[in-house]
Amino acid sequence: MERILVDKFFQQSNESSFIIDYWDGTRKRYGNESPKFKIIFKEKIPEKEILKDPAMAFGEAYMNEVIDLEGNMQDVIETFYKCNRPFSKKRLTGVRRLLARDYTGTSLSKQQKDIHHHYDLGNDFYELWLDDTMSYSCAYFCSEADSLQEAQLKKIDYVLKKLQLKKGEKLLDIGSGWGWLIIRAAQQYGVKALGITLSEEQFVKSNQRIKELNLTEQVEVKLMDYRKLAGSEEKFDKVVSVGMVEHVGKANLPLYMKAVRDLLNPGGLSVLHCITNHKEVSPNKWIRKYIFPGGYIPSIRELVWLLPDYGFHLMDVESLRLHYAKTLDYWAENFEKNIDYITKKYGKRFVRMWRLYLNSCAASFKASGLDLHQMVFSKGLNNELYTTRHHLY
């Protein structure tokens, strides 16, 4: 039965040519052209696991070396996306039930635990495959020749231009990562910048950088949740968030918008840079279990729908989908360059898990409809802002 089920799954793809070696010694060729890759099943995957969630079943099978791949992993994953359709109306009903759930991650303690799971693996780990700025978000490639670091600096500069910063203003970065955006904002625009993070590793590294650059009078980082800061009396002229809102949970999206409203001065600007889905979909269970516990990718319309409820006026929306695919290609390449060290420190299963994560994300931005948007909105009307995009270019 498992052999028939796997065969039925992959028969849904009529665009790719590939080979599967099955656990019973049989081989099947799919497609009519020269095969681009091969999937090797060393053991069968239980039928109930495939029917319940193909992404989880095949993801865990790869991590546990039940499956091996020959060829480009992203080609395999893009083919998987083309095949990953419900097997029956019954399963489709199950998906609808999943969508009705409230993916919260609401409590502060849970959010701290979720952030610790991913971001506190160690700064030395992320330094291996990120660029020198330690930017763990979508870069901005103005040229095919741009290096990863050049593209990350261009992304930071692009975001800062969208914020229309002026000397002496106060800037808040919600989820400030390793701190390079607030550092660059202070250096280039003369603003006072505050970054907040729940990651202890990021907090330590950011403070180290701030001290080394003699920016302690202008730049500060706090180990704090955005909801706690919103309960204070502090106000800011500009608020930015890069790759953070994906962690707040579906139920907390209104809380995030309320916090930004409460933290912004009237007429203040906010830039929200985040991964988005085309439609509302249930979170990928494999990603939530192994990579980003508590994560939820909102649809673009979910975010836009919330803005008027909190007095925000949408000014600009831009998709950088293929920029993120290219960013992830760089990360995956850098990861492989350091594979011996990572394997020695974290183990083979961890390596296979992260290899699958980085490559599946790159493939998702190319083939699944996953997107990356930058949204610019103001608190109330502001007639003093630029009326064109000329300042960006």
Protein backbone atom coordinates (compact mmCIF):
# COMPACT_ATOMS: atom_id res chain seq x y z
CA MET A 1 0.00 0.00 0.00
CA GLU A 2 2.83 2.45 0.86
CA ARG A 3 4.43 1.82 -2.55
CA ILE A 4 1.15 2.61 -4.32
CA LEU A 5 0.61 5.71 -2.19
CA VAL A 6 4.07 7.19 -2.83
CA ASP A 7 3.72 6.41 -6.53
CA LYS A 8 0.32 8.11 -6.62
CA PHE A 9 1.77 11.16 -4.86
CA PHE A 10 4.60 11.67 -7.33
CA GLN A 11 2.45 10.91 -10.37
CA GLN A 12 0.79 14.28 -9.78
CA SER A 13 3.87 15.97 -11.23
CA ASN A 14 3.78 16.12 -15.01
CA GLU A 15 6.43 18.82 -15.36
CA SER A 16 9.51 17.15 -13.83
CA SER A 17 11.54 14.12 -14.85
CA PHE A 18 13.15 12.08 -12.09
CA ILE A 19 13.79 8.58 -10.77
CA ILE A 20 12.67 6.89 -7.56
CA ASP A 21 14.40 3.84 -6.19
CA TYR A 22 11.90 2.12 -3.90
CA TRP A 23 12.66 0.15 -0.75
CA ASP A 24 11.55 -3.10 -2.42
CA GLY A 25 14.30 -2.86 -5.03
CA THR A 26 12.09 -1.53 -7.82
CA ARG A 27 12.83 1.64 -9.76
CA LYS A 28 10.37 3.95 -11.47
CA ARG A 29 11.05 6.78 -13.86
CA TYR A 30 8.72 9.80 -13.88
CA GLY A 31 8.50 12.23 -16.80
CA ASN A 32 9.72 11.91 -20.36
CA GLU A 33 12.94 13.90 -20.29
CA SER A 34 16.39 13.26 -18.85
CA PRO A 35 15.96 12.83 -15.06
CA LYS A 36 17.06 15.84 -13.00
CA PHE A 37 17.34 13.97 -9.70
CA LYS A 38 16.85 10.68 -7.90
CA ILE A 39 15.02 9.90 -4.66
CA ILE A 40 16.16 6.76 -2.84
CA PHE A 41 13.80 5.18 -0.32
CA LYS A 42 15.80 2.94 2.01
CA GLU A 43 12.67 2.02 3.97
CA LYS A 44 8.98 2.54 3.47
CA ILE A 45 7.19 5.42 5.18
CA PRO A 46 4.01 4.32 6.99
CA GLU A 47 0.86 5.01 4.99
CA LYS A 48 -0.84 6.89 7.82
CA GLU A 49 2.07 9.34 8.08
CA ILE A 50 1.94 10.19 4.38
CA LEU A 51 -1.82 10.64 4.43
CA LYS A 52 -1.69 12.76 7.57
CA ASP A 53 1.01 15.20 6.40
CA PRO A 54 3.31 14.48 3.41
CA ALA A 55 5.65 17.38 4.27
CA MET A 56 6.20 16.09 7.81
CA ALA A 57 6.50 12.47 6.65
CA PHE A 58 9.07 13.11 3.94
CA GLY A 59 10.89 15.77 5.98
CA GLU A 60 11.44 13.46 8.93
CA ALA A 61 12.34 10.61 6.58
CA TYR A 62 15.13 12.72 5.07
CA MET A 63 16.38 13.83 8.51
CA ASN A 64 16.44 10.20 9.69
CA GLU A 65 18.18 8.94 6.52
CA VAL A 66 15.19 6.89 5.46
CA ILE A 67 15.37 8.91 2.23
CA ASP A 68 18.46 10.00 0.32
CA LEU A 69 18.62 12.41 -2.60
CA GLU A 70 20.88 12.63 -5.63
CA GLY A 71 20.86 15.90 -7.54
CA ASN A 72 19.78 19.42 -6.64
CA MET A 73 17.67 19.38 -3.48
CA GLN A 74 15.69 22.43 -4.59
CA ASP A 75 14.59 20.63 -7.77
CA VAL A 76 13.27 17.84 -5.54
CA ILE A 77 11.39 20.26 -3.28
CA GLU A 78 9.90 22.25 -6.16
CA THR A 79 8.59 18.96 -7.56
CA PHE A 80 7.20 18.13 -4.12
CA TYR A 81 5.25 21.41 -4.12
CA LYS A 82 3.69 20.49 -7.45
CA CYS A 83 2.68 17.10 -6.03
CA ASN A 84 1.59 18.13 -2.55
CA ARG A 85 -2.14 18.24 -3.10
CA PRO A 86 -4.75 16.63 -0.84
CA PHE A 87 -5.32 12.96 -1.58
CA SER A 88 -9.03 13.17 -0.91
CA LYS A 89 -11.90 15.44 0.07
CA LYS A 90 -11.56 14.03 3.56
CA ARG A 91 -8.01 15.35 3.87
CA LEU A 92 -9.09 18.68 2.41
CA THR A 93 -11.65 18.96 5.19
CA GLY A 94 -8.85 18.33 7.67
CA VAL A 95 -6.86 21.21 6.17
CA ARG A 96 -9.86 23.51 6.57
CA ARG A 97 -10.06 22.53 10.24
CA LEU A 98 -6.37 23.39 10.63
CA LEU A 99 -7.01 26.82 9.12
CA ALA A 100 -9.74 27.45 11.67
CA ARG A 101 -7.32 26.95 14.55
CA ASP A 102 -5.88 29.87 16.42
CA TYR A 103 -2.11 29.66 15.99
CA THR A 104 -1.22 31.83 18.91
CA GLY A 105 2.16 31.66 20.56
CA THR A 106 0.54 34.34 22.69
CA SER A 107 2.26 34.02 26.07
CA LEU A 108 5.52 35.83 26.63
CA SER A 109 7.11 32.77 28.22
CA LYS A 110 6.28 30.62 25.20
CA GLN A 111 7.54 33.26 22.79
CA GLN A 112 10.81 33.49 24.71
CA LYS A 113 11.16 29.71 24.58
CA ASP A 114 10.41 29.63 20.83
CA ILE A 115 12.95 32.37 20.09
CA HIS A 116 15.57 30.63 22.25
CA HIS A 117 15.01 27.38 20.29
CA HIS A 118 16.07 28.97 17.01
CA TYR A 119 18.12 32.12 17.58
CA ASP A 120 20.17 31.01 20.56
CA LEU A 121 21.87 28.07 18.83
CA GLY A 122 25.01 30.18 19.14
CA ASN A 123 26.41 33.24 17.42
CA ASP A 124 29.31 31.11 16.16
CA PHE A 125 26.81 28.95 14.21
CA TYR A 126 25.17 31.88 12.44
CA GLU A 127 28.52 33.54 11.76
CA LEU A 128 29.44 30.53 9.63
CA TRP A 129 26.88 31.17 6.91
CA LEU A 130 25.49 34.69 7.34
CA ASP A 131 27.41 37.74 6.10
CA ASP A 132 29.51 39.97 8.37
CA THR A 133 26.51 42.16 9.28
CA MET A 134 24.79 39.02 10.67
CA SER A 135 21.61 39.93 8.79
CA TYR A 136 19.22 36.98 9.02
CA SER A 137 16.56 38.28 6.64
CA CYS A 138 15.96 38.91 2.95
CA ALA A 139 18.77 40.82 1.20
CA TYR A 140 18.26 43.28 -1.66
CA PHE A 141 20.19 42.54 -4.86
CA CYS A 142 20.53 45.55 -7.13
CA SER A 143 22.85 43.58 -9.40
CA GLU A 144 23.50 39.92 -10.15
CA ALA A 145 27.11 40.64 -9.20
CA ASP A 146 26.22 41.72 -5.64
CA SER A 147 27.79 39.65 -2.90
CA LEU A 148 25.61 38.60 0.02
CA GLN A 149 27.12 41.27 2.25
CA GLU A 150 26.66 43.99 -0.38
CA ALA A 151 23.02 42.96 -0.82
CA GLN A 152 22.39 42.93 2.94
CA LEU A 153 23.83 46.42 3.33
CA LYS A 154 21.68 47.58 0.41
CA LYS A 155 18.62 46.04 2.10
CA ILE A 156 19.36 47.88 5.34
CA ASP A 157 19.91 51.15 3.46
CA TYR A 158 16.72 50.58 1.45
CA VAL A 159 14.68 50.08 4.63
CA LEU A 160 16.21 53.16 6.25
CA LYS A 161 15.36 55.26 3.18
CA LYS A 162 11.76 54.04 3.35
CA LEU A 163 11.62 55.25 6.96
CA GLN A 164 12.53 58.79 5.80
CA LEU A 165 14.72 59.29 8.87
CA LYS A 166 15.81 62.74 10.05
CA LYS A 167 18.58 63.68 12.46
CA GLY A 168 17.51 63.63 16.09
CA GLU A 169 14.52 61.33 15.56
CA LYS A 170 13.90 58.27 17.72
CA LEU A 171 13.84 54.91 15.94
CA LEU A 172 12.59 51.60 17.33
CA ASP A 173 13.54 48.25 15.79
CA ILE A 174 11.23 45.46 16.98
CA GLY A 175 13.18 42.23 16.74
CA SER A 176 16.50 43.93 16.08
CA GLY A 177 18.53 40.78 15.44
CA TRP A 178 22.28 41.30 15.69
CA GLY A 179 21.85 45.06 15.57
CA TRP A 180 23.27 46.24 12.28
CA LEU A 181 20.17 48.18 11.18
CA ILE A 182 20.06 50.36 14.30
CA ILE A 183 23.82 50.83 14.17
CA ARG A 184 23.71 51.97 10.55
CA ALA A 185 20.72 54.22 11.24
CA ALA A 186 22.66 56.01 13.97
CA GLN A 187 25.80 56.28 11.85
CA GLN A 188 24.12 57.55 8.69
CA TYR A 189 21.18 59.58 9.96
CA GLY A 190 22.14 60.71 13.44
CA VAL A 191 19.06 59.19 15.07
CA LYS A 192 18.72 57.70 18.54
CA ALA A 193 17.88 54.03 18.04
CA LEU A 194 16.51 51.35 20.33
CA GLY A 195 16.45 47.68 19.40
CA ILE A 196 14.52 45.01 21.28
CA THR A 197 15.00 41.26 21.06
CA LEU A 198 14.13 38.12 23.00
CA SER A 199 17.33 36.35 21.98
CA GLU A 200 20.08 36.45 24.59
CA GLU A 201 22.72 35.66 21.97
CA GLN A 202 21.60 38.56 19.78
CA PHE A 203 21.43 40.87 22.80
CA VAL A 204 25.03 40.10 23.79
CA LYS A 205 26.41 40.43 20.26
CA SER A 206 24.52 43.67 19.55
CA ASN A 207 25.81 45.32 22.72
CA GLN A 208 29.34 44.21 21.92
CA ARG A 209 29.12 45.85 18.49
CA ILE A 210 27.61 49.06 19.87
CA LYS A 211 30.45 49.42 22.40
CA GLU A 212 33.14 48.66 19.82
CA LEU A 213 31.76 51.39 17.54
CA ASN A 214 31.43 53.93 20.39
CA LEU A 215 27.70 54.33 19.81
CA THR A 216 26.43 53.81 23.35
CA GLU A 217 25.08 57.37 23.49
CA GLN A 218 22.97 56.81 20.36
CA VAL A 219 22.12 53.11 20.22
CA GLU A 220 20.64 50.81 22.86
CA VAL A 221 19.42 47.22 22.85
CA LYS A 222 17.04 45.75 25.38
CA LEU A 223 16.11 42.15 26.10
CA MET A 224 12.40 42.86 25.94
CA ASP A 225 9.11 41.86 24.31
CA TYR A 226 7.30 44.43 22.16
CA ARG A 227 4.17 44.14 24.31
CA LYS A 228 6.03 45.19 27.45
CA LEU A 229 7.59 48.17 25.71
CA ALA A 230 4.17 49.22 24.41
CA GLY A 231 2.99 49.41 28.01
CA SER A 232 5.58 52.06 28.80
CA GLU A 233 5.37 55.78 28.13
CA GLU A 234 8.11 55.70 25.49
CA LYS A 235 7.31 57.08 22.02
CA PHE A 236 9.15 56.92 18.71
CA ASP A 237 9.10 58.81 15.42
CA LYS A 238 9.73 55.68 13.36
CA VAL A 239 9.20 51.96 14.01
CA VAL A 240 10.70 49.17 11.92
CA SER A 241 10.43 45.41 12.08
CA VAL A 242 12.43 43.09 9.83
CA GLY A 243 11.57 39.39 9.87
CA MET A 244 9.95 39.43 13.31
CA VAL A 245 6.18 39.46 12.83
CA GLU A 246 6.32 35.86 11.56
CA HIS A 247 6.99 34.86 15.19
CA VAL A 248 4.11 36.63 16.94
CA GLY A 249 1.39 34.10 16.04
CA LYS A 250 -1.88 34.58 14.17
CA ALA A 251 -3.82 35.70 17.26
CA ASN A 252 -1.13 38.23 18.13
CA LEU A 253 -1.16 40.11 14.81
CA PRO A 254 -3.68 42.65 16.18
CA LEU A 255 -1.56 42.97 19.35
CA TYR A 256 1.47 43.75 17.24
CA MET A 257 -0.38 46.46 15.29
CA LYS A 258 -1.74 47.92 18.53
CA ALA A 259 1.76 48.01 20.00
CA VAL A 260 3.14 49.86 16.97
CA ARG A 261 0.28 52.35 17.19
CA ASP A 262 0.90 52.95 20.89
CA LEU A 263 4.65 53.37 20.37
CA LEU A 264 4.48 55.75 17.40
CA ASN A 265 4.09 59.50 17.61
CA PRO A 266 1.22 60.96 15.52
CA GLY A 267 2.25 61.02 11.87
CA GLY A 268 5.03 58.52 12.55
CA LEU A 269 6.11 55.97 9.95
CA SER A 270 6.50 52.22 10.24
CA VAL A 271 8.15 49.76 7.86
CA LEU A 272 7.12 46.12 8.18
CA HIS A 273 9.39 43.67 6.35
CA CYS A 274 8.04 40.13 6.57
CA ILE A 275 7.39 36.82 4.84
CA THR A 276 3.82 36.53 3.58
CA ASN A 277 1.57 33.92 2.09
CA HIS A 278 -0.68 34.48 -0.92
CA LYS A 279 -3.66 33.18 1.05
CA GLU A 280 -4.27 32.17 4.65
CA VAL A 281 -2.78 28.69 5.11
CA SER A 282 -2.01 26.51 8.08
CA PRO A 283 1.62 26.62 9.25
CA ASN A 284 3.98 23.98 7.89
CA LYS A 285 4.12 21.43 10.71
CA TRP A 286 7.67 20.33 9.96
CA ILE A 287 8.95 23.92 10.12
CA ARG A 288 7.00 24.58 13.34
CA LYS A 289 8.28 21.39 15.00
CA TYR A 290 11.94 21.59 14.09
CA ILE A 291 12.82 25.14 13.03
CA PHE A 292 10.39 27.87 14.13
CA PRO A 293 8.08 26.74 16.96
CA GLY A 294 5.10 29.06 17.23
CA GLY A 295 5.65 30.54 13.78
CA TYR A 296 2.82 31.75 11.56
CA ILE A 297 3.19 33.33 8.10
CA PRO A 298 0.35 35.83 7.57
CA SER A 299 -1.18 36.54 4.20
CA ILE A 300 -0.63 39.99 2.76
CA ARG A 301 -4.34 40.71 2.97
CA GLU A 302 -4.44 39.77 6.66
CA LEU A 303 -1.88 42.49 7.35
CA VAL A 304 -3.47 45.12 5.11
CA TRP A 305 -6.90 44.38 6.60
CA LEU A 306 -5.65 45.21 10.09
CA LEU A 307 -4.14 48.61 9.30
CA PRO A 308 -7.28 50.81 9.34
CA ASP A 309 -8.38 49.34 12.67
CA TYR A 310 -5.33 50.93 14.29
CA GLY A 311 -5.40 54.24 12.47
CA PHE A 312 -2.69 53.33 9.95
CA HIS A 313 -2.60 54.61 6.36
CA LEU A 314 -0.90 52.29 3.87
CA MET A 315 1.57 54.15 1.68
CA ASP A 316 3.61 51.51 -0.10
CA VAL A 317 3.82 47.73 -0.57
CA GLU A 318 6.68 46.00 -2.40
CA SER A 319 7.40 42.34 -3.07
CA LEU A 320 10.99 41.09 -2.79
CA ARG A 321 10.15 37.41 -3.32
CA LEU A 322 13.01 36.46 -5.63
CA HIS A 323 15.46 38.49 -3.56
CA TYR A 324 14.75 36.12 -0.67
CA ALA A 325 15.20 33.06 -2.88
CA LYS A 326 18.64 34.38 -3.89
CA THR A 327 19.49 35.18 -0.26
CA LEU A 328 18.67 31.63 0.77
CA ASP A 329 20.78 30.25 -2.07
CA TYR A 330 23.74 32.12 -0.59
CA TRP A 331 22.97 30.86 2.92
CA ALA A 332 22.64 27.26 1.74
CA GLU A 333 25.94 27.51 -0.16
CA ASN A 334 27.74 28.99 2.86
CA PHE A 335 26.21 26.31 5.10
CA GLU A 336 27.64 23.55 2.90
CA LYS A 337 31.09 25.15 2.96
CA ASN A 338 31.14 24.65 6.74
CA ILE A 339 29.48 21.25 6.82
CA ASP A 340 32.34 19.41 8.57
CA TYR A 341 32.43 21.85 11.49
CA ILE A 342 28.63 21.91 11.83
CA THR A 343 28.42 18.11 11.71
CA LYS A 344 31.10 17.75 14.38
CA LYS A 345 29.38 20.24 16.70
CA TYR A 346 25.69 19.47 16.12
CA GLY A 347 25.51 16.03 14.50
CA LYS A 348 24.44 14.61 11.15
CA ARG A 349 20.70 14.77 11.81
CA PHE A 350 20.94 18.49 12.61
CA VAL A 351 22.86 19.06 9.38
CA ARG A 352 20.22 17.24 7.31
CA MET A 353 17.47 19.18 9.09
CA TRP A 354 19.06 22.58 8.38
CA ARG A 355 20.03 21.65 4.82
CA LEU A 356 16.40 20.76 4.18
CA TYR A 357 15.19 23.95 5.88
CA LEU A 358 17.41 26.33 3.89
CA ASN A 359 16.80 24.66 0.55
CA SER A 360 13.08 24.15 1.08
CA CYS A 361 12.69 27.84 1.92
CA ALA A 362 14.58 28.86 -1.23
CA ALA A 363 12.40 26.55 -3.30
CA SER A 364 9.28 27.89 -1.57
CA PHE A 365 9.98 31.45 -2.70
CA LYS A 366 10.49 30.21 -6.25
CA ALA A 367 7.64 27.73 -6.58
CA SER A 368 5.04 27.81 -3.79
CA GLY A 369 3.74 31.37 -3.74
CA LEU A 370 5.57 32.26 -0.52
CA ASP A 371 6.50 35.94 -0.68
CA LEU A 372 8.38 38.71 1.11
CA HIS A 373 6.77 42.12 1.39
CA GLN A 374 7.87 45.48 2.69
CA MET A 375 4.95 47.65 3.80
CA VAL A 376 5.18 51.34 4.68
CA PHE A 377 2.36 52.92 6.68
CA SER A 378 1.83 56.04 8.76
CA LYS A 379 -0.01 56.64 12.03
CA GLY A 380 -2.73 58.95 10.82
CA LEU A 381 -2.24 61.24 7.84
CA ASN A 382 1.13 62.87 7.29
CA ASN A 383 1.32 65.49 4.53
CA GLU A 384 5.04 66.18 5.07
CA LEU A 385 6.30 62.90 3.63
CA TYR A 386 7.81 62.32 0.19
CA THR A 387 5.22 61.95 -2.55
CA THR A 388 7.40 59.90 -4.93
CA ARG A 389 9.86 57.03 -4.68
CA HIS A 390 12.77 59.08 -5.99
CA HIS A 391 14.44 59.18 -2.59
CA LEU A 392 14.80 55.40 -2.65
CA TYR A 393 16.89 55.30 -5.80
